[in-house]
Structure formats: structure tokens, C-alpha cells
């Protein structure tokens, strides 16, 4: 945490936000004991939350802020898909075993006692799968409506992962299709859980396009940001239809990160991701419960903040570029309603506009998409009589 405090040294609002997250009851206390040890001593439900905390700190925080009715279903949903994703990511697990398991994983979720050892690309993922019988028992304790949503998502995602396991992403259609399978389906499934709970409207589950966009914005942001890490692991999810315009080999982009071609390729991918922001704003405007709203909104504002950070940034080719922990803390604390979302979306759309290079081949499209985001925000504010941005007093916090 000391390094993060140093990075925010001249931004006292970020330092305050980090301390509030750490000591104000927002952070989840993580046991120092290995998950393998915890698995032997914790109840099934407690193991699920311990595993959640180990495999995703950020999701653990927002899931634990959900209404009690949704907390267990969303926790189990995340762990089921995390288990499936761990199978997909383990390149040492033979394809002749891995691909059938991806397609059959949804059936394992209802198989009493099922677990698999030695699969996963990190210790915690391997422990999760080795004790998956605990997740299954909690899954079976959920209402049948929740179980059906989770199984349907798992089946579609597993088949999609298997379809793409042995083929590269070439076209934009491939890219969109893959991101739908690994993230858009998650958004659709979450809408199904929200509707099944009765906390959100029954019609939310039918908002397939908006729900899909919620997933695609997050996934495409992560894929764009993770160029360096993915290549170091021997994989990449950048589609050739984009990078092929700028280089013959994807790896060549990191050899000269500041070149016009490297920057243009990166900006092309950021611009592609920006197309989903409008749908995400429309989706968030449908959410009624404040805790569900925060759960949905926080990852989206983190995504647009990340896009603004990586746009035209050659460091993407040298390391995994992330927003400062201080900014993340501020966003987590103050993303509470549509006013705060509007403030953040407009701020980061303007940040991208300030970084535009007129020599970039996608200058006009990037500019158009940012201006469209801002114009739509203004239109929504006018209709709902939300006060202008400069007048918003967001808990008296100067965010950035």
C-alpha cells in the first residue's frame, strides 16, 4: 500500500479514499492462510467466500456489497465461471481432456462430489477446482431459478470456449463472438439473476443487447490492456483484422512501442471498445436497487478510466498498465448513482479527446465516439433534470 500512497502523494482525495476502503468497512479481510488450508476447516459457504476473496479481490468487495438475496447466487455464479475459465486457461492440461470438460462443465455443477485436481494456471485456481464439490453443494442450495440461470450461462460459455480453443481470433466478428462467449454471457446471466431475485424488474433479463455490451466493454478493455502479459504467457486475443493493418507479426509491436503503427493499433482497439459505453449507460439507467447499481456501475467506470489511461500509451507494450489504486478507490467509494456515473464517463471521454492525435488513422472515429458519449450524457441529464456537471457536489469530493 505504501507504493500506492506515494503515487497519490499529491492527491489527498485519493489517499483518503484508499484509507476509507482499507479501514472503513469496505475492504474484505483476507486470511493469510493458503486456500488449501482454509478448504479443510471452513464450511462450504465460507469456503466459497474465501475462494472468491483469493481469486478476485475486486469482485469480492462488490459482491459482498450486494443485497443479501443476491449475494450467494452471484458468488456461486462467479466461482462456477471462474472454475470454467481456469480449465480454459490451463494450457498444460491436454486438449483432448480440456475441450470435452469445457463442453461438459455445466453437467459437473450438478454432480455430487465432483472435483478435479491439478488443473488451473495458479495455486488458488487449482485449489478451487480441487474442492469444487463445496461449490456444488452451495449451488444446489440456491433457488431453482438461480440454478437454471447459472447452468445456462455455464453451458453456453463452455461451448464457446471450446469452439475458440484451437482457433485464433482473425476477424472482428471472431473478436466480438469470443468476447460474447466469455463476457457478454456473464452480463446476460447477471441480468437473469437480478430478475429472478425480484429486486430488479422481470424485464431486465430480456435486455440482451445491453447486457451483452456490459460484458463486452469490460472484456475488450482487459484484452487491450493485457497485450504484454498475454504475450508473455504465449497467448493473445487481439484480432488479426486489427493488428494486421499495422504489422506482420503481433510481437513486433513491442519492439518499437512509440512508433506510429504501434500507437495506431492500440488506439484502434480502444476505439472499438468505446462503442459499448452508450449501451452500458442505458443499462445502468434501468437498475433500481442502489447496491445492485454499484455492483454493475463500478466495473464500467473502471473500464472507461482504463481506456483513457491506455489510449495512445506505449507503456501497454512494456507492461500491464493499470489506473492508480487511488483513482480506483475514489471510483469505488463515489460511484453511487447515475449522477456520479455521468461525471466519471464525461471526465474520461474528455481525457481521451485531449490525447487525440490528428495523424492517427482513427482520429475521426475516436473523436466521434467520445463526443457521442458526452452528447448522450447531456441528453439524459436534460431529460432527468440532472444538474450540470460543474454543479454536482459528489459528497464534496474532488475526484480527480
Protein backbone atom coordinates (compact mmCIF):
# COMPACT_ATOMS: atom_id res chain seq x y z
CA UNK A 1 0.00 0.00 0.00
CA UNK A 2 2.96 2.33 0.62
CA UNK A 3 3.82 2.42 -3.09
CA UNK A 4 0.21 3.28 -3.93
CA UNK A 5 0.22 6.10 -1.36
CA UNK A 6 3.40 7.51 -2.91
CA UNK A 7 1.80 7.52 -6.37
CA UNK A 8 -1.12 9.51 -4.95
CA UNK A 9 1.06 11.77 -2.79
CA UNK A 10 -0.19 14.98 -4.40
CA UNK A 11 -3.81 13.87 -4.49
CA UNK A 12 -5.13 13.87 -0.92
CA UNK A 13 -8.61 12.79 -2.04
CA UNK A 14 -7.13 9.53 -3.38
CA UNK A 15 -5.21 8.90 -0.15
CA UNK A 16 -8.37 9.48 1.89
CA UNK A 17 -10.30 7.10 -0.37
CA UNK A 18 -7.67 4.36 -0.02
CA UNK A 19 -7.75 4.61 3.77
CA UNK A 20 -11.54 4.62 3.80
CA UNK A 21 -11.58 1.45 1.71
CA UNK A 22 -8.96 -0.18 3.90
CA UNK A 23 -10.31 0.76 7.31
CA UNK A 24 -13.89 1.89 6.74
CA UNK A 25 -15.52 -1.50 6.49
CA UNK A 26 -15.43 -1.66 2.67
CA UNK A 27 -12.44 -3.95 2.35
CA UNK A 28 -12.76 -7.68 2.92
CA UNK A 29 -10.37 -9.15 5.45
CA UNK A 30 -8.33 -11.80 3.70
CA UNK A 31 -6.93 -14.70 5.65
CA UNK A 32 -3.19 -15.15 5.41
CA UNK A 33 -3.68 -18.91 5.37
CA UNK A 34 -3.48 -20.64 1.99
CA UNK A 35 -6.80 -21.52 0.39
CA UNK A 36 -5.84 -25.21 0.56
CA UNK A 37 -5.68 -24.94 4.36
CA UNK A 38 -8.92 -22.99 4.56
CA UNK A 39 -10.68 -25.61 2.45
CA UNK A 40 -10.12 -28.20 5.15
CA UNK A 41 -11.52 -26.13 8.00
CA UNK A 42 -14.28 -23.94 6.51
CA UNK A 43 -17.90 -24.75 5.80
CA UNK A 44 -18.96 -24.98 2.16
CA UNK A 45 -20.39 -21.46 2.10
CA UNK A 46 -17.44 -19.92 3.95
CA UNK A 47 -15.05 -21.69 1.57
CA UNK A 48 -16.89 -20.10 -1.38
CA UNK A 49 -16.34 -16.63 0.01
CA UNK A 50 -12.75 -17.37 0.96
CA UNK A 51 -12.12 -18.64 -2.58
CA UNK A 52 -13.82 -15.58 -4.05
CA UNK A 53 -11.58 -13.35 -1.99
CA UNK A 54 -8.46 -15.23 -3.09
CA UNK A 55 -9.22 -15.34 -6.82
CA UNK A 56 -10.70 -11.85 -7.19
CA UNK A 57 -10.33 -9.18 -4.53
CA UNK A 58 -12.17 -6.55 -6.56
CA UNK A 59 -15.21 -8.74 -7.24
CA UNK A 60 -15.21 -9.92 -3.63
CA UNK A 61 -15.69 -6.35 -2.45
CA UNK A 62 -18.59 -5.52 -4.77
CA UNK A 63 -20.28 -8.93 -4.39
CA UNK A 64 -20.24 -8.54 -0.62
CA UNK A 65 -22.00 -5.19 -1.03
CA UNK A 66 -24.94 -6.81 -2.85
CA UNK A 67 -28.33 -7.30 -1.16
CA UNK A 68 -28.38 -10.49 0.91
CA UNK A 69 -30.81 -12.17 -1.52
CA UNK A 70 -28.30 -11.90 -4.37
CA UNK A 71 -25.03 -12.37 -2.55
CA UNK A 72 -24.82 -16.18 -2.59
CA UNK A 73 -26.17 -16.64 -6.16
CA UNK A 74 -23.70 -14.11 -7.59
CA UNK A 75 -20.80 -15.52 -5.54
CA UNK A 76 -21.54 -19.06 -6.78
CA UNK A 77 -22.08 -17.77 -10.33
CA UNK A 78 -18.66 -16.14 -10.28
CA UNK A 79 -16.95 -19.25 -8.88
CA UNK A 80 -18.61 -21.58 -11.39
CA UNK A 81 -17.45 -19.41 -14.28
CA UNK A 82 -14.06 -18.89 -12.66
CA UNK A 83 -13.68 -22.67 -12.46
CA UNK A 84 -14.64 -22.99 -16.12
CA UNK A 85 -12.22 -20.22 -17.05
CA UNK A 86 -9.45 -21.96 -15.10
CA UNK A 87 -9.92 -25.06 -17.23
CA UNK A 88 -9.70 -22.96 -20.39
CA UNK A 89 -6.57 -21.11 -19.24
CA UNK A 90 -4.54 -24.18 -18.26
CA UNK A 91 -2.54 -24.78 -21.41
CA UNK A 92 -0.70 -27.68 -19.73
CA UNK A 93 -3.95 -29.62 -19.41
CA UNK A 94 -4.11 -31.80 -22.55
CA UNK A 95 -6.55 -30.54 -25.18
CA UNK A 96 -8.13 -33.98 -25.57
CA UNK A 97 -9.24 -33.69 -21.92
CA UNK A 98 -9.66 -29.92 -21.66
CA UNK A 99 -12.04 -29.39 -24.58
CA UNK A 100 -14.58 -32.06 -23.57
CA UNK A 101 -14.52 -30.76 -19.99
CA UNK A 102 -15.28 -27.22 -21.20
CA UNK A 103 -18.37 -28.53 -23.00
CA UNK A 104 -19.44 -30.71 -20.08
CA UNK A 105 -18.58 -28.39 -17.19
CA UNK A 106 -22.22 -27.37 -16.65
CA UNK A 107 -23.08 -31.02 -16.00
CA UNK A 108 -20.36 -31.24 -13.33
CA UNK A 109 -22.08 -28.45 -11.40
CA UNK A 110 -24.91 -30.82 -10.50
CA UNK A 111 -22.73 -33.91 -9.97
CA UNK A 112 -22.42 -34.58 -6.24
CA UNK A 113 -18.82 -34.73 -5.07
CA UNK A 114 -17.25 -33.71 -8.39
CA UNK A 115 -13.79 -32.18 -8.20
CA UNK A 116 -10.66 -32.22 -10.30
CA UNK A 117 -7.08 -31.96 -9.07
CA UNK A 118 -4.06 -30.38 -10.72
CA UNK A 119 -5.99 -28.20 -13.18
CA UNK A 120 -5.64 -24.42 -13.30
CA UNK A 121 -2.88 -21.95 -14.06
CA UNK A 122 -2.37 -20.70 -10.48
CA UNK A 123 -2.41 -22.24 -7.00
CA UNK A 124 -5.74 -20.73 -5.92
CA UNK A 125 -7.48 -21.76 -9.14
CA UNK A 126 -6.21 -25.32 -8.70
CA UNK A 127 -7.48 -25.36 -5.11
CA UNK A 128 -10.88 -24.05 -6.22
CA UNK A 129 -11.26 -26.92 -8.70
CA UNK A 130 -9.82 -29.47 -6.29
CA UNK A 131 -12.58 -28.57 -3.81
CA UNK A 132 -15.30 -27.81 -6.31
CA UNK A 133 -17.62 -30.21 -4.51
CA UNK A 134 -18.06 -27.46 -1.90
CA UNK A 135 -19.19 -25.02 -4.58
CA UNK A 136 -21.59 -27.63 -5.96
CA UNK A 137 -23.28 -28.12 -2.58
CA UNK A 138 -23.83 -24.37 -2.18
CA UNK A 139 -25.04 -24.19 -5.78
CA UNK A 140 -27.63 -26.88 -5.07
CA UNK A 141 -28.88 -24.92 -2.06
CA UNK A 142 -29.87 -21.97 -4.27
CA UNK A 143 -33.37 -21.41 -5.59
CA UNK A 144 -34.04 -23.35 -8.77
CA UNK A 145 -34.45 -20.12 -10.77
CA UNK A 146 -30.90 -19.12 -9.88
CA UNK A 147 -29.58 -22.59 -10.68
CA UNK A 148 -31.15 -22.52 -14.13
CA UNK A 149 -29.59 -19.15 -14.99
CA UNK A 150 -26.14 -20.28 -13.81
CA UNK A 151 -26.26 -23.59 -15.69
CA UNK A 152 -27.49 -21.96 -18.92
CA UNK A 153 -24.64 -19.43 -18.82
CA UNK A 154 -22.06 -22.10 -18.00
CA UNK A 155 -23.21 -24.33 -20.86
CA UNK A 156 -23.11 -21.53 -23.46
CA UNK A 157 -19.78 -20.21 -22.24
CA UNK A 158 -18.14 -23.63 -22.09
CA UNK A 159 -19.17 -24.49 -25.64
CA UNK A 160 -17.98 -21.10 -26.86
CA UNK A 161 -14.62 -21.50 -25.15
CA UNK A 162 -14.21 -24.95 -26.69
CA UNK A 163 -15.08 -23.60 -30.14
CA UNK A 164 -12.37 -20.94 -29.89
CA UNK A 165 -9.78 -23.03 -28.05
CA UNK A 166 -8.00 -24.18 -31.18
CA UNK A 167 -8.57 -21.26 -33.49
CA UNK A 168 -7.12 -17.78 -33.44
CA UNK A 169 -9.11 -14.57 -33.45
CA UNK A 170 -8.81 -13.33 -37.01
CA UNK A 171 -11.79 -11.16 -37.88
CA UNK A 172 -13.67 -8.57 -35.87
CA UNK A 173 -16.60 -10.97 -35.99
CA UNK A 174 -14.41 -13.58 -34.26
CA UNK A 175 -13.40 -10.99 -31.68
CA UNK A 176 -16.98 -9.95 -30.94
CA UNK A 177 -18.13 -13.56 -30.85
CA UNK A 178 -15.37 -14.66 -28.48
CA UNK A 179 -15.98 -11.71 -26.14
CA UNK A 180 -19.68 -12.54 -26.14
CA UNK A 181 -18.94 -16.09 -25.01
CA UNK A 182 -16.52 -15.18 -22.23
CA UNK A 183 -18.08 -11.92 -21.00
CA UNK A 184 -21.32 -10.98 -22.75
CA UNK A 185 -22.92 -14.17 -21.48
CA UNK A 186 -21.86 -13.17 -17.96
CA UNK A 187 -23.74 -9.89 -18.33
CA UNK A 188 -26.81 -11.68 -19.66
CA UNK A 189 -26.65 -14.19 -16.81
CA UNK A 190 -26.36 -11.46 -14.18
CA UNK A 191 -29.46 -9.78 -15.61
CA UNK A 192 -31.21 -13.13 -15.28
CA UNK A 193 -30.18 -13.41 -11.63
CA UNK A 194 -31.28 -9.85 -10.90
CA UNK A 195 -34.70 -10.51 -12.46
CA UNK A 196 -35.08 -13.86 -10.68
CA UNK A 197 -34.43 -12.19 -7.33
CA UNK A 198 -37.39 -9.84 -7.73
CA UNK A 199 -35.11 -6.97 -6.70
CA UNK A 200 -34.90 -5.76 -10.29
CA UNK A 201 -37.62 -5.79 -12.91
CA UNK A 202 -38.66 -9.04 -14.57
CA UNK A 203 -37.97 -7.44 -17.94
CA UNK A 204 -34.29 -6.81 -17.22
CA UNK A 205 -33.45 -10.37 -18.24
CA UNK A 206 -34.74 -9.58 -21.74
CA UNK A 207 -32.29 -6.69 -22.26
CA UNK A 208 -29.90 -8.97 -24.13
CA UNK A 209 -28.11 -6.33 -26.22
CA UNK A 210 -27.48 -4.01 -23.28
CA UNK A 211 -26.43 -6.89 -21.00
CA UNK A 212 -24.05 -8.19 -23.67
CA UNK A 213 -22.50 -4.72 -24.05
CA UNK A 214 -21.86 -4.56 -20.30
CA UNK A 215 -19.66 -7.64 -20.68
CA UNK A 216 -18.02 -6.63 -23.94
CA UNK A 217 -16.85 -3.25 -22.64
CA UNK A 218 -15.09 -4.94 -19.72
CA UNK A 219 -13.63 -7.79 -21.76
CA UNK A 220 -12.33 -5.68 -24.63
CA UNK A 221 -10.81 -3.21 -22.17
CA UNK A 222 -8.96 -6.04 -20.41
CA UNK A 223 -7.84 -7.65 -23.66
CA UNK A 224 -6.45 -4.36 -24.94
CA UNK A 225 -4.70 -3.58 -21.66
CA UNK A 226 -3.24 -7.09 -21.24
CA UNK A 227 -1.23 -7.26 -24.50
CA UNK A 228 2.11 -7.58 -22.69
CA UNK A 229 1.01 -10.10 -20.07
CA UNK A 230 -0.86 -12.29 -22.55
CA UNK A 231 2.07 -12.48 -24.97
CA UNK A 232 4.41 -13.37 -22.11
CA UNK A 233 2.07 -16.32 -21.41
CA UNK A 234 2.14 -17.38 -25.05
CA UNK A 235 -1.34 -16.20 -26.00
CA UNK A 236 -3.09 -13.17 -27.44
CA UNK A 237 -6.67 -12.09 -28.02
CA UNK A 238 -6.03 -9.11 -30.30
CA UNK A 239 -7.80 -9.86 -33.61
CA UNK A 240 -5.62 -10.03 -36.71
CA UNK A 241 -8.08 -7.90 -38.68
CA UNK A 242 -6.95 -5.00 -36.47
CA UNK A 243 -3.28 -5.66 -35.76
CA UNK A 244 -2.65 -6.96 -39.29
CA UNK A 245 -3.15 -3.42 -40.60
CA UNK A 246 -0.07 -2.27 -38.72
CA UNK A 247 2.38 -5.19 -38.56
CA UNK A 248 3.09 -8.65 -39.99
CA UNK A 249 3.65 -10.16 -36.54
CA UNK A 250 1.84 -9.14 -33.38
CA UNK A 251 5.05 -9.43 -31.32
CA UNK A 252 6.73 -6.76 -33.46
CA UNK A 253 4.62 -4.02 -31.92
CA UNK A 254 6.55 -4.23 -28.64
CA UNK A 255 9.87 -3.77 -30.43
CA UNK A 256 9.08 -0.11 -31.07
CA UNK A 257 6.22 0.86 -28.73
CA UNK A 258 6.34 4.54 -29.64
CA UNK A 259 6.05 4.03 -33.40
CA UNK A 260 3.06 5.40 -35.25
CA UNK A 261 1.98 1.86 -36.13
CA UNK A 262 2.09 0.61 -32.54
CA UNK A 263 0.11 3.58 -31.24
CA UNK A 264 -2.41 3.37 -34.07
CA UNK A 265 -3.04 -0.32 -33.42
CA UNK A 266 -3.60 0.30 -29.72
CA UNK A 267 -5.90 3.26 -30.42
CA UNK A 268 -7.85 1.18 -32.93
CA UNK A 269 -8.66 -1.35 -30.19
CA UNK A 270 -9.58 1.35 -27.65
CA UNK A 271 -11.90 2.95 -30.19
CA UNK A 272 -13.55 -0.40 -30.84
CA UNK A 273 -14.26 -0.80 -27.11
CA UNK A 274 -15.74 2.70 -26.80
CA UNK A 275 -18.75 1.71 -28.92
CA UNK A 276 -20.30 -0.09 -25.92
CA UNK A 277 -20.27 2.80 -23.47
CA UNK A 278 -23.66 4.13 -24.58
CA UNK A 279 -25.35 0.76 -24.09
CA UNK A 280 -23.78 0.46 -20.64
CA UNK A 281 -25.17 3.85 -19.60
CA UNK A 282 -28.60 2.81 -20.87
CA UNK A 283 -28.37 -0.45 -18.89
CA UNK A 284 -27.39 1.29 -15.68
CA UNK A 285 -30.34 3.66 -16.02
CA UNK A 286 -32.64 0.60 -15.73
CA UNK A 287 -31.22 -0.59 -12.38
CA UNK A 288 -33.42 0.27 -9.38
CA UNK A 289 -31.63 -1.05 -6.29
CA UNK A 290 -28.66 1.10 -5.14
CA UNK A 291 -26.47 -1.87 -4.16
CA UNK A 292 -27.11 -3.65 -7.46
CA UNK A 293 -26.39 -0.36 -9.21
CA UNK A 294 -23.00 -0.06 -7.52
CA UNK A 295 -22.19 -3.67 -8.38
CA UNK A 296 -22.92 -3.01 -12.06
CA UNK A 297 -21.54 0.52 -12.33
CA UNK A 298 -18.17 0.25 -10.60
CA UNK A 299 -16.59 -2.13 -13.18
CA UNK A 300 -17.89 0.06 -16.02
CA UNK A 301 -16.39 3.30 -14.69
CA UNK A 302 -13.15 1.41 -14.03
CA UNK A 303 -13.22 0.29 -17.66
CA UNK A 304 -13.58 3.75 -19.17
CA UNK A 305 -10.91 5.05 -16.78
CA UNK A 306 -8.62 2.26 -18.03
CA UNK A 307 -9.37 3.06 -21.68
CA UNK A 308 -8.42 6.68 -21.05
CA UNK A 309 -5.22 5.52 -19.34
CA UNK A 310 -4.10 3.19 -22.12
CA UNK A 311 -5.19 5.30 -25.11
CA UNK A 312 -2.09 6.31 -27.11
CA UNK A 313 0.06 4.94 -24.27
CA UNK A 314 3.13 2.99 -25.47
CA UNK A 315 3.62 1.52 -21.98
CA UNK A 316 0.94 -1.05 -22.89
CA UNK A 317 3.67 -2.75 -24.94
CA UNK A 318 6.08 -2.77 -21.98
CA UNK A 319 3.92 -3.74 -19.00
CA UNK A 320 0.35 -4.16 -17.77
CA UNK A 321 -0.90 -0.59 -17.44
CA UNK A 322 -3.45 0.00 -14.70
CA UNK A 323 -5.13 3.03 -13.23
CA UNK A 324 -3.74 4.22 -9.91
CA UNK A 325 -5.09 2.45 -6.83
CA UNK A 326 -6.07 5.89 -5.58
CA UNK A 327 -8.31 6.53 -8.58
CA UNK A 328 -9.80 3.04 -8.22
CA UNK A 329 -10.53 3.71 -4.55
CA UNK A 330 -12.26 7.01 -5.35
CA UNK A 331 -14.35 5.36 -8.04
CA UNK A 332 -15.36 2.52 -5.74
CA UNK A 333 -16.42 4.90 -2.98
CA UNK A 334 -18.22 7.51 -5.02
CA UNK A 335 -19.89 5.57 -7.82
CA UNK A 336 -23.27 5.54 -6.14
CA UNK A 337 -25.83 6.80 -8.67
CA UNK A 338 -26.32 7.93 -12.27
CA UNK A 339 -25.04 11.43 -11.48
CA UNK A 340 -21.69 10.04 -10.37
CA UNK A 341 -21.54 7.72 -13.40
CA UNK A 342 -22.24 10.65 -15.73
CA UNK A 343 -19.49 12.67 -14.09
CA UNK A 344 -16.94 9.89 -14.50
CA UNK A 345 -17.92 8.93 -18.05
CA UNK A 346 -17.74 12.52 -19.24
CA UNK A 347 -14.45 13.17 -17.48
CA UNK A 348 -12.68 10.19 -19.07
CA UNK A 349 -14.24 10.70 -22.51
CA UNK A 350 -12.79 14.21 -22.37
CA UNK A 351 -9.43 12.80 -21.25
CA UNK A 352 -9.32 10.68 -24.41
CA UNK A 353 -10.27 13.68 -26.54
CA UNK A 354 -7.34 15.60 -25.06
CA UNK A 355 -4.95 12.81 -26.09
CA UNK A 356 -6.17 12.55 -29.71
CA UNK A 357 -3.53 12.74 -32.42
CA UNK A 358 -4.76 14.17 -35.72
CA UNK A 359 -2.34 11.88 -37.54
CA UNK A 360 -3.96 8.80 -36.04
CA UNK A 361 -5.91 6.90 -38.74
CA UNK A 362 -8.93 6.56 -36.43
CA UNK A 363 -8.85 10.15 -35.20
CA UNK A 364 -12.29 10.98 -36.61
CA UNK A 365 -13.99 7.80 -35.35
CA UNK A 366 -12.47 8.07 -31.87
CA UNK A 367 -13.49 11.71 -31.66
CA UNK A 368 -17.00 10.87 -32.86
CA UNK A 369 -17.45 8.11 -30.28
CA UNK A 370 -16.23 10.29 -27.41
CA UNK A 371 -18.47 13.17 -28.47
CA UNK A 372 -21.40 10.75 -28.80
CA UNK A 373 -20.85 9.55 -25.23
CA UNK A 374 -20.79 13.13 -23.95
CA UNK A 375 -23.80 14.21 -26.05
CA UNK A 376 -25.87 11.25 -24.83
CA UNK A 377 -24.96 12.04 -21.24
CA UNK A 378 -26.13 15.61 -21.71
CA UNK A 379 -29.34 14.39 -23.30
CA UNK A 380 -30.04 12.04 -20.39
CA UNK A 381 -29.27 14.78 -17.86
CA UNK A 382 -31.66 17.14 -19.62
CA UNK A 383 -34.47 14.58 -19.64
CA UNK A 384 -33.99 13.65 -15.99
CA UNK A 385 -33.20 17.20 -14.89
CA UNK A 386 -29.85 16.16 -13.51
CA UNK A 387 -27.82 19.25 -12.61
CA UNK A 388 -24.88 20.23 -14.88
CA UNK A 389 -21.58 18.55 -14.17
CA UNK A 390 -19.87 21.59 -12.72
CA UNK A 391 -22.62 21.92 -10.12
CA UNK A 392 -22.56 18.33 -8.88
CA UNK A 393 -21.39 18.06 -5.27
CA UNK A 394 -20.42 14.41 -5.11
CA UNK A 395 -20.16 14.12 -1.33
CA UNK A 396 -17.91 17.20 -1.51
CA UNK A 397 -15.21 15.09 -3.14
CA UNK A 398 -12.94 16.46 -5.83
CA UNK A 399 -12.46 13.22 -7.70
CA UNK A 400 -9.50 13.88 -9.95
